[in-house]
Amino acid sequence: CTCSFLDTDRALVLLEEYCKKLKKPEEQQLKKAIRKVMGIFKSSLFQALLGSFTKKATRHGAVSHPSLPAAVAYDVLGCPKD
């Protein structure tokens, strides 16, 4: 199932959009932390672990994903987009 990978890609897009809004000096530490998380999401180890988890969860019927259009309606903080 590629749903988890799509979710990860969507999370990266949302995090990148949010980082672009962080311009104040006091927001730079948060921006740096978000960029670290983004690096982890992009790492091959994370992708391998995600793939392994998805396979196991799918076998046990434990994976459910919201539809992508519904996820797109919210920003990175979970607030509805205008």
PDB file of N, CA and C in Angstrom:
ATOM      1  N   CYS A   1       0.846  -1.199   0.000  1.00  0.00           N
ATOM      2  CA  CYS A   1       0.000   0.000   0.000  1.00  0.00           C
ATOM      3  C   CYS A   1       0.885   1.254   0.000  1.00  0.00           C
ATOM      4  N   THR A   2       0.619   2.181  -0.856  1.00  0.00           N
ATOM      5  CA  THR A   2       1.405   3.410  -0.929  1.00  0.00           C
ATOM      6  C   THR A   2       0.774   4.543  -0.136  1.00  0.00           C
ATOM      7  N   CYS A   3      -0.319   4.247   0.570  1.00  0.00           N
ATOM      8  CA  CYS A   3      -1.014   5.300   1.321  1.00  0.00           C
ATOM      9  C   CYS A   3      -0.099   5.960   2.343  1.00  0.00           C
ATOM     10  N   SER A   4       0.682   5.175   3.074  1.00  0.00           N
ATOM     11  CA  SER A   4       1.574   5.744   4.085  1.00  0.00           C
ATOM     12  C   SER A   4       2.624   6.640   3.455  1.00  0.00           C
ATOM     13  N   PHE A   5       3.093   6.251   2.275  1.00  0.00           N
ATOM     14  CA  PHE A   5       4.082   7.071   1.592  1.00  0.00           C
ATOM     15  C   PHE A   5       3.450   8.364   1.092  1.00  0.00           C
ATOM     16  N   LEU A   6       2.196   8.292   0.646  1.00  0.00           N
ATOM     17  CA  LEU A   6       1.477   9.506   0.240  1.00  0.00           C
ATOM     18  C   LEU A   6       1.252  10.412   1.441  1.00  0.00           C
ATOM     19  N   ASP A   7       0.918   9.804   2.587  1.00  0.00           N
ATOM     20  CA  ASP A   7       0.730  10.582   3.813  1.00  0.00           C
ATOM     21  C   ASP A   7       2.022  11.281   4.207  1.00  0.00           C
ATOM     22  N   THR A   8       3.140  10.570   4.092  1.00  0.00           N
ATOM     23  CA  THR A   8       4.442  11.150   4.421  1.00  0.00           C
ATOM     24  C   THR A   8       4.768  12.294   3.477  1.00  0.00           C
ATOM     25  N   ASP A   9       4.527  12.090   2.196  1.00  0.00           N
ATOM     26  CA  ASP A   9       4.775  13.160   1.220  1.00  0.00           C
ATOM     27  C   ASP A   9       3.903  14.374   1.510  1.00  0.00           C
ATOM     28  N   ARG A  10       2.650  14.134   1.846  1.00  0.00           N
ATOM     29  CA  ARG A  10       1.734  15.240   2.162  1.00  0.00           C
ATOM     30  C   ARG A  10       2.216  15.971   3.416  1.00  0.00           C
ATOM     31  N   ALA A  11       2.675  15.233   4.415  1.00  0.00           N
ATOM     32  CA  ALA A  11       3.199  15.856   5.633  1.00  0.00           C
ATOM     33  C   ALA A  11       4.404  16.728   5.307  1.00  0.00           C
ATOM     34  N   LEU A  12       5.267  16.247   4.430  1.00  0.00           N
ATOM     35  CA  LEU A  12       6.440  17.032   4.032  1.00  0.00           C
ATOM     36  C   LEU A  12       6.033  18.323   3.328  1.00  0.00           C
ATOM     37  N   VAL A  13       5.035  18.242   2.473  1.00  0.00           N
ATOM     38  CA  VAL A  13       4.546  19.438   1.779  1.00  0.00           C
ATOM     39  C   VAL A  13       3.993  20.439   2.789  1.00  0.00           C
ATOM     40  N   LEU A  14       3.198  19.953   3.733  1.00  0.00           N
ATOM     41  CA  LEU A  14       2.612  20.840   4.743  1.00  0.00           C
ATOM     42  C   LEU A  14       3.680  21.463   5.638  1.00  0.00           C
ATOM     43  N   LEU A  15       4.666  20.660   6.030  1.00  0.00           N
ATOM     44  CA  LEU A  15       5.750  21.187   6.859  1.00  0.00           C
ATOM     45  C   LEU A  15       6.549  22.241   6.104  1.00  0.00           C
ATOM     46  N   GLU A  16       6.800  22.007   4.833  1.00  0.00           N
ATOM     47  CA  GLU A  16       7.531  22.978   4.016  1.00  0.00           C
ATOM     48  C   GLU A  16       6.749  24.280   3.901  1.00  0.00           C
ATOM     49  N   GLU A  17       5.439  24.180   3.678  1.00  0.00           N
ATOM     50  CA  GLU A  17       4.595  25.379   3.598  1.00  0.00           C
ATOM     51  C   GLU A  17       4.647  26.158   4.910  1.00  0.00           C
ATOM     52  N   TYR A  18       4.588  25.434   6.015  1.00  0.00           N
ATOM     53  CA  TYR A  18       4.613  26.085   7.322  1.00  0.00           C
ATOM     54  C   TYR A  18       5.970  26.751   7.565  1.00  0.00           C
ATOM     55  N   CYS A  19       7.054  26.077   7.192  1.00  0.00           N
ATOM     56  CA  CYS A  19       8.397  26.644   7.374  1.00  0.00           C
ATOM     57  C   CYS A  19       8.556  27.962   6.628  1.00  0.00           C
ATOM     58  N   LYS A  20       7.956  28.056   5.462  1.00  0.00           N
ATOM     59  CA  LYS A  20       8.049  29.288   4.673  1.00  0.00           C
ATOM     60  C   LYS A  20       7.409  30.474   5.393  1.00  0.00           C
ATOM     61  N   LYS A  21       6.481  30.198   6.300  1.00  0.00           N
ATOM     62  CA  LYS A  21       5.796  31.262   7.040  1.00  0.00           C
ATOM     63  C   LYS A  21       6.578  31.708   8.276  1.00  0.00           C
ATOM     64  N   LEU A  22       7.580  30.927   8.672  1.00  0.00           N
ATOM     65  CA  LEU A  22       8.358  31.233   9.869  1.00  0.00           C
ATOM     66  C   LEU A  22       9.496  32.178   9.508  1.00  0.00           C
ATOM     67  N   LYS A  23       9.290  33.453   9.741  1.00  0.00           N
ATOM     68  CA  LYS A  23      10.279  34.463   9.339  1.00  0.00           C
ATOM     69  C   LYS A  23      10.851  35.254  10.517  1.00  0.00           C
ATOM     70  N   LYS A  24      10.151  35.274  11.627  1.00  0.00           N
ATOM     71  CA  LYS A  24      10.597  36.050  12.784  1.00  0.00           C
ATOM     72  C   LYS A  24      11.804  35.371  13.433  1.00  0.00           C
ATOM     73  N   PRO A  25      12.690  36.165  14.030  1.00  0.00           N
ATOM     74  CA  PRO A  25      13.874  35.579  14.689  1.00  0.00           C
ATOM     75  C   PRO A  25      13.511  34.535  15.749  1.00  0.00           C
ATOM     76  N   GLU A  26      12.443  34.794  16.496  1.00  0.00           N
ATOM     77  CA  GLU A  26      12.069  33.856  17.562  1.00  0.00           C
ATOM     78  C   GLU A  26      11.466  32.555  17.014  1.00  0.00           C
ATOM     79  N   GLU A  27      11.170  32.506  15.724  1.00  0.00           N
ATOM     80  CA  GLU A  27      10.611  31.305  15.106  1.00  0.00           C
ATOM     81  C   GLU A  27      11.674  30.427  14.450  1.00  0.00           C
ATOM     82  N   GLN A  28      12.902  30.886  14.431  1.00  0.00           N
ATOM     83  CA  GLN A  28      13.955  30.163  13.717  1.00  0.00           C
ATOM     84  C   GLN A  28      14.326  28.839  14.380  1.00  0.00           C
ATOM     85  N   GLN A  29      14.228  28.770  15.702  1.00  0.00           N
ATOM     86  CA  GLN A  29      14.519  27.507  16.385  1.00  0.00           C
ATOM     87  C   GLN A  29      13.467  26.458  16.004  1.00  0.00           C
ATOM     88  N   LEU A  30      12.202  26.870  15.952  1.00  0.00           N
ATOM     89  CA  LEU A  30      11.135  25.968  15.522  1.00  0.00           C
ATOM     90  C   LEU A  30      11.356  25.532  14.078  1.00  0.00           C
ATOM     91  N   LYS A  31      11.730  26.474  13.233  1.00  0.00           N
ATOM     92  CA  LYS A  31      11.985  26.176  11.821  1.00  0.00           C
ATOM     93  C   LYS A  31      13.100  25.137  11.684  1.00  0.00           C
ATOM     94  N   LYS A  32      14.150  25.296  12.475  1.00  0.00           N
ATOM     95  CA  LYS A  32      15.270  24.354  12.445  1.00  0.00           C
ATOM     96  C   LYS A  32      14.809  22.958  12.880  1.00  0.00           C
ATOM     97  N   ALA A  33      13.984  22.900  13.921  1.00  0.00           N
ATOM     98  CA  ALA A  33      13.477  21.616  14.412  1.00  0.00           C
ATOM     99  C   ALA A  33      12.582  20.945  13.370  1.00  0.00           C
ATOM    100  N   ILE A  34      11.746  21.730  12.712  1.00  0.00           N
ATOM    101  CA  ILE A  34      10.872  21.186  11.669  1.00  0.00           C
ATOM    102  C   ILE A  34      11.702  20.648  10.517  1.00  0.00           C
ATOM    103  N   ARG A  35      12.755  21.356  10.153  1.00  0.00           N
ATOM    104  CA  ARG A  35      13.629  20.893   9.063  1.00  0.00           C
ATOM    105  C   ARG A  35      14.304  19.561   9.436  1.00  0.00           C
ATOM    106  N   LYS A  36      14.637  19.388  10.720  1.00  0.00           N
ATOM    107  CA  LYS A  36      15.215  18.111  11.168  1.00  0.00           C
ATOM    108  C   LYS A  36      14.198  16.985  10.993  1.00  0.00           C
ATOM    109  N   VAL A  37      12.960  17.247  11.389  1.00  0.00           N
ATOM    110  CA  VAL A  37      11.898  16.249  11.235  1.00  0.00           C
ATOM    111  C   VAL A  37      11.714  15.906   9.758  1.00  0.00           C
ATOM    112  N   MET A  38      11.751  16.927   8.909  1.00  0.00           N
ATOM    113  CA  MET A  38      11.616  16.699   7.472  1.00  0.00           C
ATOM    114  C   MET A  38      12.746  15.812   6.952  1.00  0.00           C
ATOM    115  N   GLY A  39      13.947  16.036   7.454  1.00  0.00           N
ATOM    116  CA  GLY A  39      15.085  15.205   7.062  1.00  0.00           C
ATOM    117  C   GLY A  39      14.888  13.756   7.469  1.00  0.00           C
ATOM    118  N   ILE A  40      14.315  13.560   8.648  1.00  0.00           N
ATOM    119  CA  ILE A  40      14.032  12.199   9.119  1.00  0.00           C
ATOM    120  C   ILE A  40      12.994  11.543   8.219  1.00  0.00           C
ATOM    121  N   PHE A  41      11.924  12.275   7.894  1.00  0.00           N
ATOM    122  CA  PHE A  41      10.884  11.733   7.013  1.00  0.00           C
ATOM    123  C   PHE A  41      11.453  11.327   5.661  1.00  0.00           C
ATOM    124  N   LYS A  42      12.451  12.065   5.187  1.00  0.00           N
ATOM    125  CA  LYS A  42      13.039  11.790   3.873  1.00  0.00           C
ATOM    126  C   LYS A  42      14.082  10.675   3.914  1.00  0.00           C
ATOM    127  N   SER A  43      14.527  10.295   5.096  1.00  0.00           N
ATOM    128  CA  SER A  43      15.601   9.305   5.207  1.00  0.00           C
ATOM    129  C   SER A  43      15.147   7.922   4.749  1.00  0.00           C
ATOM    130  N   SER A  44      16.090   7.171   4.201  1.00  0.00           N
ATOM    131  CA  SER A  44      15.759   5.822   3.738  1.00  0.00           C
ATOM    132  C   SER A  44      15.413   4.907   4.913  1.00  0.00           C
ATOM    133  N   LEU A  45      16.010   5.128   6.081  1.00  0.00           N
ATOM    134  CA  LEU A  45      15.679   4.313   7.249  1.00  0.00           C
ATOM    135  C   LEU A  45      14.216   4.514   7.632  1.00  0.00           C
ATOM    136  N   PHE A  46      13.766   5.766   7.693  1.00  0.00           N
ATOM    137  CA  PHE A  46      12.372   6.051   8.031  1.00  0.00           C
ATOM    138  C   PHE A  46      11.436   5.415   7.004  1.00  0.00           C
ATOM    139  N   GLN A  47      11.766   5.565   5.721  1.00  0.00           N
ATOM    140  CA  GLN A  47      10.926   5.000   4.663  1.00  0.00           C
ATOM    141  C   GLN A  47      10.865   3.471   4.778  1.00  0.00           C
ATOM    142  N   ALA A  48      11.984   2.848   5.111  1.00  0.00           N
ATOM    143  CA  ALA A  48      12.009   1.394   5.274  1.00  0.00           C
ATOM    144  C   ALA A  48      11.165   0.966   6.472  1.00  0.00           C
ATOM    145  N   LEU A  49      11.295   1.691   7.573  1.00  0.00           N
ATOM    146  CA  LEU A  49      10.491   1.377   8.759  1.00  0.00           C
ATOM    147  C   LEU A  49       9.009   1.586   8.484  1.00  0.00           C
ATOM    148  N   LEU A  50       8.679   2.630   7.785  1.00  0.00           N
ATOM    149  CA  LEU A  50       7.292   2.913   7.432  1.00  0.00           C
ATOM    150  C   LEU A  50       6.735   1.791   6.553  1.00  0.00           C
ATOM    151  N   GLY A  51       7.517   1.356   5.588  1.00  0.00           N
ATOM    152  CA  GLY A  51       7.090   0.257   4.722  1.00  0.00           C
ATOM    153  C   GLY A  51       6.885  -1.025   5.502  1.00  0.00           C
ATOM    154  N   SER A  52       7.779  -1.314   6.441  1.00  0.00           N
ATOM    155  CA  SER A  52       7.675  -2.510   7.270  1.00  0.00           C
ATOM    156  C   SER A  52       6.435  -2.447   8.148  1.00  0.00           C
ATOM    157  N   PHE A  53       6.192  -1.300   8.777  1.00  0.00           N
ATOM    158  CA  PHE A  53       5.020  -1.123   9.632  1.00  0.00           C
ATOM    159  C   PHE A  53       3.739  -1.280   8.820  1.00  0.00           C
ATOM    160  N   THR A  54       3.709  -0.681   7.638  1.00  0.00           N
ATOM    161  CA  THR A  54       2.514  -0.723   6.792  1.00  0.00           C
ATOM    162  C   THR A  54       2.188  -2.153   6.386  1.00  0.00           C
ATOM    163  N   LYS A  55       3.216  -2.922   6.039  1.00  0.00           N
ATOM    164  CA  LYS A  55       2.985  -4.321   5.652  1.00  0.00           C
ATOM    165  C   LYS A  55       2.398  -5.112   6.812  1.00  0.00           C
ATOM    166  N   LYS A  56       2.970  -4.944   8.015  1.00  0.00           N
ATOM    167  CA  LYS A  56       2.477  -5.676   9.183  1.00  0.00           C
ATOM    168  C   LYS A  56       1.061  -5.247   9.538  1.00  0.00           C
ATOM    169  N   ALA A  57       0.805  -3.952   9.537  1.00  0.00           N
ATOM    170  CA  ALA A  57      -0.514  -3.445   9.904  1.00  0.00           C
ATOM    171  C   ALA A  57      -1.562  -3.871   8.884  1.00  0.00           C
ATOM    172  N   THR A  58      -1.201  -3.886   7.622  1.00  0.00           N
ATOM    173  CA  THR A  58      -2.136  -4.292   6.572  1.00  0.00           C
ATOM    174  C   THR A  58      -2.502  -5.763   6.732  1.00  0.00           C
ATOM    175  N   ARG A  59      -1.515  -6.568   7.068  1.00  0.00           N
ATOM    176  CA  ARG A  59      -1.768  -7.997   7.281  1.00  0.00           C
ATOM    177  C   ARG A  59      -2.771  -8.222   8.401  1.00  0.00           C
ATOM    178  N   HIS A  60      -2.733  -7.363   9.415  1.00  0.00           N
ATOM    179  CA  HIS A  60      -3.617  -7.512  10.567  1.00  0.00           C
ATOM    180  C   HIS A  60      -4.866  -6.648  10.449  1.00  0.00           C
ATOM    181  N   GLY A  61      -5.051  -5.999   9.326  1.00  0.00           N
ATOM    182  CA  GLY A  61      -6.242  -5.179   9.111  1.00  0.00           C
ATOM    183  C   GLY A  61      -6.294  -3.932   9.966  1.00  0.00           C
ATOM    184  N   ALA A  62      -5.134  -3.423  10.370  1.00  0.00           N
ATOM    185  CA  ALA A  62      -5.102  -2.287  11.296  1.00  0.00           C
ATOM    186  C   ALA A  62      -4.827  -0.953  10.626  1.00  0.00           C
ATOM    187  N   VAL A  63      -4.774  -0.914   9.301  1.00  0.00           N
ATOM    188  CA  VAL A  63      -4.443   0.340   8.632  1.00  0.00           C
ATOM    189  C   VAL A  63      -5.698   0.964   8.051  1.00  0.00           C
ATOM    190  N   SER A  64      -5.942   2.199   8.430  1.00  0.00           N
ATOM    191  CA  SER A  64      -7.020   2.954   7.787  1.00  0.00           C
ATOM    192  C   SER A  64      -6.492   4.345   7.544  1.00  0.00           C
ATOM    193  N   HIS A  65      -6.796   4.904   6.402  1.00  0.00           N
ATOM    194  CA  HIS A  65      -6.284   6.216   6.028  1.00  0.00           C
ATOM    195  C   HIS A  65      -7.430   7.128   5.657  1.00  0.00           C
ATOM    196  N   PRO A  66      -7.391   8.374   6.139  1.00  0.00           N
ATOM    197  CA  PRO A  66      -8.401   9.320   5.672  1.00  0.00           C
ATOM    198  C   PRO A  66      -8.157   9.590   4.194  1.00  0.00           C
ATOM    199  N   SER A  67      -9.193   9.990   3.527  1.00  0.00           N
ATOM    200  CA  SER A  67      -8.996  10.285   2.105  1.00  0.00           C
ATOM    201  C   SER A  67      -8.090  11.489   1.968  1.00  0.00           C
ATOM    202  N   LEU A  68      -7.270  11.493   0.945  1.00  0.00           N
ATOM    203  CA  LEU A  68      -6.330  12.584   0.730  1.00  0.00           C
ATOM    204  C   LEU A  68      -7.038  13.926   0.593  1.00  0.00           C
ATOM    205  N   PRO A  69      -8.153  14.031  -0.154  1.00  0.00           N
ATOM    206  CA  PRO A  69      -8.820  15.340  -0.242  1.00  0.00           C
ATOM    207  C   PRO A  69      -9.221  15.893   1.124  1.00  0.00           C
ATOM    208  N   ALA A  70      -9.634  15.034   2.040  1.00  0.00           N
ATOM    209  CA  ALA A  70      -9.994  15.510   3.379  1.00  0.00           C
ATOM    210  C   ALA A  70      -8.759  16.034   4.103  1.00  0.00           C
ATOM    211  N   ALA A  71      -7.624  15.362   3.947  1.00  0.00           N
ATOM    212  CA  ALA A  71      -6.388  15.787   4.606  1.00  0.00           C
ATOM    213  C   ALA A  71      -5.893  17.114   4.055  1.00  0.00           C
ATOM    214  N   VAL A  72      -6.140  17.376   2.781  1.00  0.00           N
ATOM    215  CA  VAL A  72      -5.673  18.600   2.139  1.00  0.00           C
ATOM    216  C   VAL A  72      -6.437  19.821   2.647  1.00  0.00           C
ATOM    217  N   ALA A  73      -7.602  19.608   3.234  1.00  0.00           N
ATOM    218  CA  ALA A  73      -8.439  20.715   3.702  1.00  0.00           C
ATOM    219  C   ALA A  73      -7.894  21.357   4.972  1.00  0.00           C
ATOM    220  N   TYR A  74      -6.865  20.768   5.583  1.00  0.00           N
ATOM    221  CA  TYR A  74      -6.318  21.274   6.830  1.00  0.00           C
ATOM    222  C   TYR A  74      -4.861  21.663   6.659  1.00  0.00           C
ATOM    223  N   ASP A  75      -4.417  22.661   7.423  1.00  0.00           N
ATOM    224  CA  ASP A  75      -3.018  23.062   7.355  1.00  0.00           C
ATOM    225  C   ASP A  75      -2.189  22.188   8.279  1.00  0.00           C
ATOM    226  N   VAL A  76      -0.913  22.491   8.391  1.00  0.00           N
ATOM    227  CA  VAL A  76       0.018  21.662   9.161  1.00  0.00           C
ATOM    228  C   VAL A  76      -0.339  21.593  10.646  1.00  0.00           C
ATOM    229  N   LEU A  77      -1.042  22.581  11.154  1.00  0.00           N
ATOM    230  CA  LEU A  77      -1.435  22.576  12.558  1.00  0.00           C
ATOM    231  C   LEU A  77      -2.802  21.942  12.775  1.00  0.00           C
ATOM    232  N   GLY A  78      -3.413  21.447  11.698  1.00  0.00           N
ATOM    233  CA  GLY A  78      -4.715  20.814  11.815  1.00  0.00           C
ATOM    234  C   GLY A  78      -5.877  21.782  11.729  1.00  0.00           C
ATOM    235  N   CYS A  79      -5.587  23.028  11.397  1.00  0.00           N
ATOM    236  CA  CYS A  79      -6.642  24.029  11.278  1.00  0.00           C
ATOM    237  C   CYS A  79      -7.215  24.002   9.867  1.00  0.00           C
ATOM    238  N   PRO A  80      -8.533  24.189   9.737  1.00  0.00           N
ATOM    239  CA  PRO A  80      -9.115  24.228   8.388  1.00  0.00           C
ATOM    240  C   PRO A  80      -8.489  25.344   7.570  1.00  0.00           C
ATOM    241  N   LYS A  81      -8.199  25.044   6.305  1.00  0.00           N
ATOM    242  CA  LYS A  81      -7.646  26.065   5.412  1.00  0.00           C
ATOM    243  C   LYS A  81      -8.753  27.017   4.996  1.00  0.00           C
ATOM    244  N   ASP A  82      -8.381  28.269   4.778  1.00  0.00           N
ATOM    245  CA  ASP A  82      -9.364  29.267   4.342  1.00  0.00           C
ATOM    246  C   ASP A  82      -9.723  29.082   2.898  1.00  0.00           C
TER     247      ASP A  82
END
